[in-house]
Amino acid sequence: MNVLLLIIIIVFGVAALLTLVRIVRGPSILDRAVASDVLLTEVICVLGAEMAINHHTRTLPVLLIVAAIGVFGSIAVARFVARRDRQQS
């Protein structure tokens, strides 16, 4: 295993654990939504770094799917929170 890839995995692994703590602890749904977006971004960064280090593009479709899930998930949470806020007013 490449040393650079190992360092990247360790750094992003620590960041992912801290992000998971924020997802579990909250306190609000918006905090959890932002943390899940950060976690997806970390996954995209790790996959992109792995592609750059190993000089291939095999995981590019996975990157696109993960990015699409992140966008659609953020939109769904924003619509849910906006609808909830309108009902409370």
PDB file of N, CA and C in Angstrom:
ATOM      1  N   MET A   1       0.850  -1.179   0.000  1.00  0.00           N
ATOM      2  CA  MET A   1       0.000   0.000   0.000  1.00  0.00           C
ATOM      3  C   MET A   1       0.894   1.241   0.000  1.00  0.00           C
ATOM      4  N   ASN A   2       0.507   2.188  -0.768  1.00  0.00           N
ATOM      5  CA  ASN A   2       1.263   3.421  -0.874  1.00  0.00           C
ATOM      6  C   ASN A   2       1.209   4.201   0.449  1.00  0.00           C
ATOM      7  N   VAL A   3       2.322   4.759   0.859  1.00  0.00           N
ATOM      8  CA  VAL A   3       2.398   5.497   2.126  1.00  0.00           C
ATOM      9  C   VAL A   3       1.482   6.713   2.095  1.00  0.00           C
ATOM     10  N   LEU A   4       1.453   7.403   0.967  1.00  0.00           N
ATOM     11  CA  LEU A   4       0.588   8.578   0.851  1.00  0.00           C
ATOM     12  C   LEU A   4      -0.876   8.201   1.005  1.00  0.00           C
ATOM     13  N   LEU A   5      -1.274   7.102   0.402  1.00  0.00           N
ATOM     14  CA  LEU A   5      -2.658   6.639   0.531  1.00  0.00           C
ATOM     15  C   LEU A   5      -2.975   6.269   1.978  1.00  0.00           C
ATOM     16  N   LEU A   6      -2.030   5.675   2.684  1.00  0.00           N
ATOM     17  CA  LEU A   6      -2.225   5.331   4.091  1.00  0.00           C
ATOM     18  C   LEU A   6      -2.423   6.584   4.941  1.00  0.00           C
ATOM     19  N   ILE A   7      -1.623   7.613   4.689  1.00  0.00           N
ATOM     20  CA  ILE A   7      -1.767   8.874   5.428  1.00  0.00           C
ATOM     21  C   ILE A   7      -3.125   9.509   5.146  1.00  0.00           C
ATOM     22  N   ILE A   8      -3.540   9.487   3.889  1.00  0.00           N
ATOM     23  CA  ILE A   8      -4.841  10.051   3.522  1.00  0.00           C
ATOM     24  C   ILE A   8      -5.967   9.303   4.218  1.00  0.00           C
ATOM     25  N   ILE A   9      -5.883   7.991   4.250  1.00  0.00           N
ATOM     26  CA  ILE A   9      -6.921   7.196   4.899  1.00  0.00           C
ATOM     27  C   ILE A   9      -6.982   7.495   6.389  1.00  0.00           C
ATOM     28  N   ILE A  10      -5.842   7.643   7.040  1.00  0.00           N
ATOM     29  CA  ILE A  10      -5.827   7.941   8.474  1.00  0.00           C
ATOM     30  C   ILE A  10      -6.435   9.315   8.747  1.00  0.00           C
ATOM     31  N   VAL A  11      -6.016  10.327   7.988  1.00  0.00           N
ATOM     32  CA  VAL A  11      -6.521  11.690   8.216  1.00  0.00           C
ATOM     33  C   VAL A  11      -8.019  11.758   7.970  1.00  0.00           C
ATOM     34  N   PHE A  12      -8.463  11.190   6.845  1.00  0.00           N
ATOM     35  CA  PHE A  12      -9.889  11.234   6.552  1.00  0.00           C
ATOM     36  C   PHE A  12     -10.683  10.301   7.460  1.00  0.00           C
ATOM     37  N   GLY A  13     -10.060   9.249   7.972  1.00  0.00           N
ATOM     38  CA  GLY A  13     -10.734   8.383   8.930  1.00  0.00           C
ATOM     39  C   GLY A  13     -11.034   9.101  10.234  1.00  0.00           C
ATOM     40  N   VAL A  14     -10.055   9.864  10.717  1.00  0.00           N
ATOM     41  CA  VAL A  14     -10.285  10.666  11.929  1.00  0.00           C
ATOM     42  C   VAL A  14     -11.373  11.703  11.682  1.00  0.00           C
ATOM     43  N   ALA A  15     -11.317  12.363  10.520  1.00  0.00           N
ATOM     44  CA  ALA A  15     -12.345  13.353  10.188  1.00  0.00           C
ATOM     45  C   ALA A  15     -13.721  12.696  10.086  1.00  0.00           C
ATOM     46  N   ALA A  16     -13.775  11.495   9.530  1.00  0.00           N
ATOM     47  CA  ALA A  16     -15.052  10.791   9.423  1.00  0.00           C
ATOM     48  C   ALA A  16     -15.602  10.412  10.798  1.00  0.00           C
ATOM     49  N   LEU A  17     -14.727   9.992  11.705  1.00  0.00           N
ATOM     50  CA  LEU A  17     -15.194   9.675  13.062  1.00  0.00           C
ATOM     51  C   LEU A  17     -15.753  10.904  13.766  1.00  0.00           C
ATOM     52  N   LEU A  18     -15.070  12.044  13.610  1.00  0.00           N
ATOM     53  CA  LEU A  18     -15.578  13.270  14.218  1.00  0.00           C
ATOM     54  C   LEU A  18     -16.907  13.685  13.594  1.00  0.00           C
ATOM     55  N   THR A  19     -17.038  13.462  12.303  1.00  0.00           N
ATOM     56  CA  THR A  19     -18.297  13.777  11.629  1.00  0.00           C
ATOM     57  C   THR A  19     -19.411  12.855  12.099  1.00  0.00           C
ATOM     58  N   LEU A  20     -19.100  11.587  12.303  1.00  0.00           N
ATOM     59  CA  LEU A  20     -20.115  10.662  12.817  1.00  0.00           C
ATOM     60  C   LEU A  20     -20.568  11.049  14.217  1.00  0.00           C
ATOM     61  N   VAL A  21     -19.655  11.564  15.020  1.00  0.00           N
ATOM     62  CA  VAL A  21     -20.039  12.048  16.352  1.00  0.00           C
ATOM     63  C   VAL A  21     -21.057  13.174  16.226  1.00  0.00           C
ATOM     64  N   ARG A  22     -20.828  14.091  15.276  1.00  0.00           N
ATOM     65  CA  ARG A  22     -21.763  15.205  15.072  1.00  0.00           C
ATOM     66  C   ARG A  22     -23.104  14.696  14.560  1.00  0.00           C
ATOM     67  N   ILE A  23     -23.095  13.660  13.718  1.00  0.00           N
ATOM     68  CA  ILE A  23     -24.357  13.107  13.220  1.00  0.00           C
ATOM     69  C   ILE A  23     -25.147  12.480  14.363  1.00  0.00           C
ATOM     70  N   VAL A  24     -24.476  11.789  15.253  1.00  0.00           N
ATOM     71  CA  VAL A  24     -25.164  11.124  16.361  1.00  0.00           C
ATOM     72  C   VAL A  24     -25.634  12.126  17.413  1.00  0.00           C
ATOM     73  N   ARG A  25     -24.791  13.098  17.760  1.00  0.00           N
ATOM     74  CA  ARG A  25     -25.108  14.025  18.852  1.00  0.00           C
ATOM     75  C   ARG A  25     -26.045  15.150  18.445  1.00  0.00           C
ATOM     76  N   GLY A  26     -26.076  15.502  17.178  1.00  0.00           N
ATOM     77  CA  GLY A  26     -26.991  16.546  16.719  1.00  0.00           C
ATOM     78  C   GLY A  26     -26.521  17.932  17.040  1.00  0.00           C
ATOM     79  N   PRO A  27     -27.242  18.753  17.688  1.00  0.00           N
ATOM     80  CA  PRO A  27     -28.532  18.566  18.346  1.00  0.00           C
ATOM     81  C   PRO A  27     -29.737  18.738  17.420  1.00  0.00           C
ATOM     82  N   SER A  28     -29.609  19.419  16.298  1.00  0.00           N
ATOM     83  CA  SER A  28     -30.773  19.613  15.435  1.00  0.00           C
ATOM     84  C   SER A  28     -30.611  18.800  14.159  1.00  0.00           C
ATOM     85  N   ILE A  29     -31.702  18.723  13.412  1.00  0.00           N
ATOM     86  CA  ILE A  29     -31.664  17.981  12.154  1.00  0.00           C
ATOM     87  C   ILE A  29     -30.768  18.676  11.140  1.00  0.00           C
ATOM     88  N   LEU A  30     -30.675  19.992  11.215  1.00  0.00           N
ATOM     89  CA  LEU A  30     -29.801  20.715  10.289  1.00  0.00           C
ATOM     90  C   LEU A  30     -28.329  20.416  10.575  1.00  0.00           C
ATOM     91  N   ASP A  31     -27.961  20.285  11.850  1.00  0.00           N
ATOM     92  CA  ASP A  31     -26.589  19.885  12.195  1.00  0.00           C
ATOM     93  C   ASP A  31     -26.269  18.506  11.631  1.00  0.00           C
ATOM     94  N   ARG A  32     -27.231  17.606  11.750  1.00  0.00           N
ATOM     95  CA  ARG A  32     -27.033  16.261  11.227  1.00  0.00           C
ATOM     96  C   ARG A  32     -26.941  16.262   9.706  1.00  0.00           C
ATOM     97  N   ALA A  33     -27.740  17.098   9.051  1.00  0.00           N
ATOM     98  CA  ALA A  33     -27.701  17.182   7.591  1.00  0.00           C
ATOM     99  C   ALA A  33     -26.366  17.732   7.100  1.00  0.00           C
ATOM    100  N   VAL A  34     -25.871  18.758   7.756  1.00  0.00           N
ATOM    101  CA  VAL A  34     -24.570  19.314   7.370  1.00  0.00           C
ATOM    102  C   VAL A  34     -23.462  18.295   7.613  1.00  0.00           C
ATOM    103  N   ALA A  35     -23.535  17.582   8.718  1.00  0.00           N
ATOM    104  CA  ALA A  35     -22.521  16.568   9.016  1.00  0.00           C
ATOM    105  C   ALA A  35     -22.563  15.426   7.998  1.00  0.00           C
ATOM    106  N   SER A  36     -23.750  15.044   7.570  1.00  0.00           N
ATOM    107  CA  SER A  36     -23.829  13.982   6.562  1.00  0.00           C
ATOM    108  C   SER A  36     -23.281  14.467   5.225  1.00  0.00           C
ATOM    109  N   ASP A  37     -23.489  15.745   4.889  1.00  0.00           N
ATOM    110  CA  ASP A  37     -22.884  16.306   3.675  1.00  0.00           C
ATOM    111  C   ASP A  37     -21.361  16.305   3.782  1.00  0.00           C
ATOM    112  N   VAL A  38     -20.851  16.629   4.948  1.00  0.00           N
ATOM    113  CA  VAL A  38     -19.397  16.612   5.153  1.00  0.00           C
ATOM    114  C   VAL A  38     -18.862  15.190   5.019  1.00  0.00           C
ATOM    115  N   LEU A  39     -19.590  14.224   5.556  1.00  0.00           N
ATOM    116  CA  LEU A  39     -19.157  12.836   5.455  1.00  0.00           C
ATOM    117  C   LEU A  39     -19.124  12.375   3.992  1.00  0.00           C
ATOM    118  N   LEU A  40     -20.140  12.732   3.231  1.00  0.00           N
ATOM    119  CA  LEU A  40     -20.140  12.380   1.811  1.00  0.00           C
ATOM    120  C   LEU A  40     -19.001  13.069   1.069  1.00  0.00           C
ATOM    121  N   THR A  41     -18.708  14.305   1.439  1.00  0.00           N
ATOM    122  CA  THR A  41     -17.595  15.022   0.826  1.00  0.00           C
ATOM    123  C   THR A  41     -16.270  14.340   1.155  1.00  0.00           C
ATOM    124  N   GLU A  42     -16.137  13.860   2.377  1.00  0.00           N
ATOM    125  CA  GLU A  42     -14.920  13.136   2.745  1.00  0.00           C
ATOM    126  C   GLU A  42     -14.769  11.858   1.936  1.00  0.00           C
ATOM    127  N   VAL A  43     -15.865  11.152   1.720  1.00  0.00           N
ATOM    128  CA  VAL A  43     -15.813   9.937   0.904  1.00  0.00           C
ATOM    129  C   VAL A  43     -15.387  10.283  -0.516  1.00  0.00           C
ATOM    130  N   ILE A  44     -15.943  11.346  -1.072  1.00  0.00           N
ATOM    131  CA  ILE A  44     -15.581  11.773  -2.422  1.00  0.00           C
ATOM    132  C   ILE A  44     -14.099  12.144  -2.483  1.00  0.00           C
ATOM    133  N   CYS A  45     -13.606  12.838  -1.478  1.00  0.00           N
ATOM    134  CA  CYS A  45     -12.186  13.228  -1.456  1.00  0.00           C
ATOM    135  C   CYS A  45     -11.269  12.015  -1.378  1.00  0.00           C
ATOM    136  N   VAL A  46     -11.622  11.044  -0.565  1.00  0.00           N
ATOM    137  CA  VAL A  46     -10.796   9.844  -0.446  1.00  0.00           C
ATOM    138  C   VAL A  46     -10.777   9.080  -1.770  1.00  0.00           C
ATOM    139  N   LEU A  47     -11.938   8.929  -2.393  1.00  0.00           N
ATOM    140  CA  LEU A  47     -11.987   8.227  -3.673  1.00  0.00           C
ATOM    141  C   LEU A  47     -11.226   8.992  -4.751  1.00  0.00           C
ATOM    142  N   GLY A  48     -11.345  10.301  -4.756  1.00  0.00           N
ATOM    143  CA  GLY A  48     -10.596  11.109  -5.716  1.00  0.00           C
ATOM    144  C   GLY A  48      -9.102  11.028  -5.498  1.00  0.00           C
ATOM    145  N   ALA A  49      -8.678  11.047  -4.251  1.00  0.00           N
ATOM    146  CA  ALA A  49      -7.253  10.927  -3.958  1.00  0.00           C
ATOM    147  C   ALA A  49      -6.725   9.559  -4.365  1.00  0.00           C
ATOM    148  N   GLU A  50      -7.504   8.526  -4.132  1.00  0.00           N
ATOM    149  CA  GLU A  50      -7.101   7.179  -4.526  1.00  0.00           C
ATOM    150  C   GLU A  50      -6.974   7.085  -6.050  1.00  0.00           C
ATOM    151  N   MET A  51      -7.907   7.716  -6.767  1.00  0.00           N
ATOM    152  CA  MET A  51      -7.826   7.726  -8.233  1.00  0.00           C
ATOM    153  C   MET A  51      -6.576   8.459  -8.704  1.00  0.00           C
ATOM    154  N   ALA A  52      -6.271   9.576  -8.081  1.00  0.00           N
ATOM    155  CA  ALA A  52      -5.097  10.365  -8.494  1.00  0.00           C
ATOM    156  C   ALA A  52      -3.793   9.630  -8.177  1.00  0.00           C
ATOM    157  N   ILE A  53      -3.734   8.987  -7.037  1.00  0.00           N
ATOM    158  CA  ILE A  53      -2.510   8.292  -6.641  1.00  0.00           C
ATOM    159  C   ILE A  53      -2.264   7.070  -7.531  1.00  0.00           C
ATOM    160  N   ASN A  54      -3.314   6.326  -7.833  1.00  0.00           N
ATOM    161  CA  ASN A  54      -3.166   5.098  -8.620  1.00  0.00           C
ATOM    162  C   ASN A  54      -3.357   5.307 -10.120  1.00  0.00           C
ATOM    163  N   HIS A  55      -3.568   6.537 -10.548  1.00  0.00           N
ATOM    164  CA  HIS A  55      -3.659   6.893 -11.967  1.00  0.00           C
ATOM    165  C   HIS A  55      -4.708   6.079 -12.722  1.00  0.00           C
ATOM    166  N   HIS A  56      -5.943   6.110 -12.212  1.00  0.00           N
ATOM    167  CA  HIS A  56      -7.033   5.443 -12.921  1.00  0.00           C
ATOM    168  C   HIS A  56      -8.317   6.249 -12.754  1.00  0.00           C
ATOM    169  N   THR A  57      -9.338   5.877 -13.503  1.00  0.00           N
ATOM    170  CA  THR A  57     -10.638   6.559 -13.410  1.00  0.00           C
ATOM    171  C   THR A  57     -11.762   5.547 -13.215  1.00  0.00           C
ATOM    172  N   ARG A  58     -11.466   4.386 -12.699  1.00  0.00           N
ATOM    173  CA  ARG A  58     -12.477   3.343 -12.537  1.00  0.00           C
ATOM    174  C   ARG A  58     -13.553   3.709 -11.523  1.00  0.00           C
ATOM    175  N   THR A  59     -13.224   4.504 -10.524  1.00  0.00           N
ATOM    176  CA  THR A  59     -14.210   4.840  -9.499  1.00  0.00           C
ATOM    177  C   THR A  59     -14.943   6.150  -9.784  1.00  0.00           C
ATOM    178  N   LEU A  60     -14.764   6.699 -10.967  1.00  0.00           N
ATOM    179  CA  LEU A  60     -15.455   7.939 -11.315  1.00  0.00           C
ATOM    180  C   LEU A  60     -16.977   7.792 -11.286  1.00  0.00           C
ATOM    181  N   PRO A  61     -17.568   6.694 -11.781  1.00  0.00           N
ATOM    182  CA  PRO A  61     -19.025   6.545 -11.649  1.00  0.00           C
ATOM    183  C   PRO A  61     -19.498   6.525 -10.195  1.00  0.00           C
ATOM    184  N   VAL A  62     -18.695   5.935  -9.328  1.00  0.00           N
ATOM    185  CA  VAL A  62     -19.050   5.919  -7.898  1.00  0.00           C
ATOM    186  C   VAL A  62     -19.042   7.339  -7.347  1.00  0.00           C
ATOM    187  N   LEU A  63     -18.057   8.136  -7.736  1.00  0.00           N
ATOM    188  CA  LEU A  63     -17.997   9.527  -7.306  1.00  0.00           C
ATOM    189  C   LEU A  63     -19.241  10.287  -7.742  1.00  0.00           C
ATOM    190  N   LEU A  64     -19.656  10.091  -8.968  1.00  0.00           N
ATOM    191  CA  LEU A  64     -20.841  10.788  -9.468  1.00  0.00           C
ATOM    192  C   LEU A  64     -22.106  10.371  -8.726  1.00  0.00           C
ATOM    193  N   ILE A  65     -22.234   9.099  -8.425  1.00  0.00           N
ATOM    194  CA  ILE A  65     -23.414   8.620  -7.706  1.00  0.00           C
ATOM    195  C   ILE A  65     -23.430   9.157  -6.282  1.00  0.00           C
ATOM    196  N   VAL A  66     -22.292   9.136  -5.606  1.00  0.00           N
ATOM    197  CA  VAL A  66     -22.216   9.657  -4.230  1.00  0.00           C
ATOM    198  C   VAL A  66     -22.525  11.162  -4.217  1.00  0.00           C
ATOM    199  N   ALA A  67     -22.029  11.895  -5.197  1.00  0.00           N
ATOM    200  CA  ALA A  67     -22.309  13.328  -5.278  1.00  0.00           C
ATOM    201  C   ALA A  67     -23.799  13.578  -5.511  1.00  0.00           C
ATOM    202  N   ALA A  68     -24.409  12.796  -6.381  1.00  0.00           N
ATOM    203  CA  ALA A  68     -25.845  12.954  -6.639  1.00  0.00           C
ATOM    204  C   ALA A  68     -26.669  12.643  -5.393  1.00  0.00           C
ATOM    205  N   ILE A  69     -26.286  11.612  -4.664  1.00  0.00           N
ATOM    206  CA  ILE A  69     -26.990  11.276  -3.420  1.00  0.00           C
ATOM    207  C   ILE A  69     -26.875  12.425  -2.424  1.00  0.00           C
ATOM    208  N   GLY A  70     -25.704  13.025  -2.342  1.00  0.00           N
ATOM    209  CA  GLY A  70     -25.517  14.155  -1.433  1.00  0.00           C
ATOM    210  C   GLY A  70     -26.389  15.347  -1.800  1.00  0.00           C
ATOM    211  N   VAL A  71     -26.453  15.665  -3.078  1.00  0.00           N
ATOM    212  CA  VAL A  71     -27.270  16.798  -3.513  1.00  0.00           C
ATOM    213  C   VAL A  71     -28.744  16.535  -3.254  1.00  0.00           C
ATOM    214  N   PHE A  72     -29.225  15.363  -3.666  1.00  0.00           N
ATOM    215  CA  PHE A  72     -30.642  15.058  -3.476  1.00  0.00           C
ATOM    216  C   PHE A  72     -30.999  14.927  -2.001  1.00  0.00           C
ATOM    217  N   GLY A  73     -30.099  14.414  -1.202  1.00  0.00           N
ATOM    218  CA  GLY A  73     -30.349  14.332   0.237  1.00  0.00           C
ATOM    219  C   GLY A  73     -30.429  15.702   0.886  1.00  0.00           C
ATOM    220  N   SER A  74     -29.562  16.608   0.484  1.00  0.00           N
ATOM    221  CA  SER A  74     -29.603  17.972   1.022  1.00  0.00           C
ATOM    222  C   SER A  74     -30.898  18.681   0.628  1.00  0.00           C
ATOM    223  N   ILE A  75     -31.314  18.491  -0.603  1.00  0.00           N
ATOM    224  CA  ILE A  75     -32.566  19.097  -1.055  1.00  0.00           C
ATOM    225  C   ILE A  75     -33.744  18.540  -0.273  1.00  0.00           C
ATOM    226  N   ALA A  76     -33.764  17.239  -0.045  1.00  0.00           N
ATOM    227  CA  ALA A  76     -34.865  16.622   0.696  1.00  0.00           C
ATOM    228  C   ALA A  76     -34.926  17.138   2.129  1.00  0.00           C
ATOM    229  N   VAL A  77     -33.785  17.250   2.780  1.00  0.00           N
ATOM    230  CA  VAL A  77     -33.762  17.755   4.163  1.00  0.00           C
ATOM    231  C   VAL A  77     -34.195  19.217   4.203  1.00  0.00           C
ATOM    232  N   ALA A  78     -33.725  20.022   3.261  1.00  0.00           N
ATOM    233  CA  ALA A  78     -34.107  21.430   3.229  1.00  0.00           C
ATOM    234  C   ALA A  78     -35.609  21.588   3.022  1.00  0.00           C
ATOM    235  N   ARG A  79     -36.187  20.793   2.140  1.00  0.00           N
ATOM    236  CA  ARG A  79     -37.632  20.867   1.913  1.00  0.00           C
ATOM    237  C   ARG A  79     -38.394  20.426   3.160  1.00  0.00           C
ATOM    238  N   PHE A  80     -37.913  19.385   3.829  1.00  0.00           N
ATOM    239  CA  PHE A  80     -38.559  18.902   5.048  1.00  0.00           C
ATOM    240  C   PHE A  80     -38.539  19.964   6.135  1.00  0.00           C
ATOM    241  N   VAL A  81     -37.395  20.585   6.343  1.00  0.00           N
ATOM    242  CA  VAL A  81     -37.266  21.605   7.387  1.00  0.00           C
ATOM    243  C   VAL A  81     -38.110  22.829   7.040  1.00  0.00           C
ATOM    244  N   ALA A  82     -38.118  23.231   5.774  1.00  0.00           N
ATOM    245  CA  ALA A  82     -38.922  24.383   5.369  1.00  0.00           C
ATOM    246  C   ALA A  82     -40.408  24.108   5.565  1.00  0.00           C
ATOM    247  N   ARG A  83     -40.856  22.925   5.218  1.00  0.00           N
ATOM    248  CA  ARG A  83     -42.266  22.570   5.395  1.00  0.00           C
ATOM    249  C   ARG A  83     -42.623  22.508   6.877  1.00  0.00           C
ATOM    250  N   ARG A  84     -41.719  21.975   7.695  1.00  0.00           N
ATOM    251  CA  ARG A  84     -41.952  21.888   9.133  1.00  0.00           C
ATOM    252  C   ARG A  84     -42.033  23.287   9.758  1.00  0.00           C
ATOM    253  N   ASP A  85     -41.140  24.182   9.318  1.00  0.00           N
ATOM    254  CA  ASP A  85     -41.143  25.550   9.858  1.00  0.00           C
ATOM    255  C   ASP A  85     -42.414  26.299   9.473  1.00  0.00           C
ATOM    256  N   ARG A  86     -42.913  26.068   8.258  1.00  0.00           N
ATOM    257  CA  ARG A  86     -44.160  26.726   7.841  1.00  0.00           C
ATOM    258  C   ARG A  86     -45.331  26.235   8.656  1.00  0.00           C
ATOM    259  N   GLN A  87     -45.353  24.959   8.992  1.00  0.00           N
ATOM    260  CA  GLN A  87     -46.449  24.415   9.770  1.00  0.00           C
ATOM    261  C   GLN A  87     -46.430  24.915  11.206  1.00  0.00           C
ATOM    262  N   GLN A  88     -45.254  25.190  11.755  1.00  0.00           N
ATOM    263  CA  GLN A  88     -45.152  25.671  13.120  1.00  0.00           C
ATOM    264  C   GLN A  88     -45.514  27.140  13.236  1.00  0.00           C
ATOM    265  N   SER A  89     -45.391  27.893  12.165  1.00  0.00           N
ATOM    266  CA  SER A  89     -45.682  29.344  12.209  1.00  0.00           C
ATOM    267  C   SER A  89     -47.142  29.639  12.212  1.00  0.00           C
TER     268      SER A  89
END
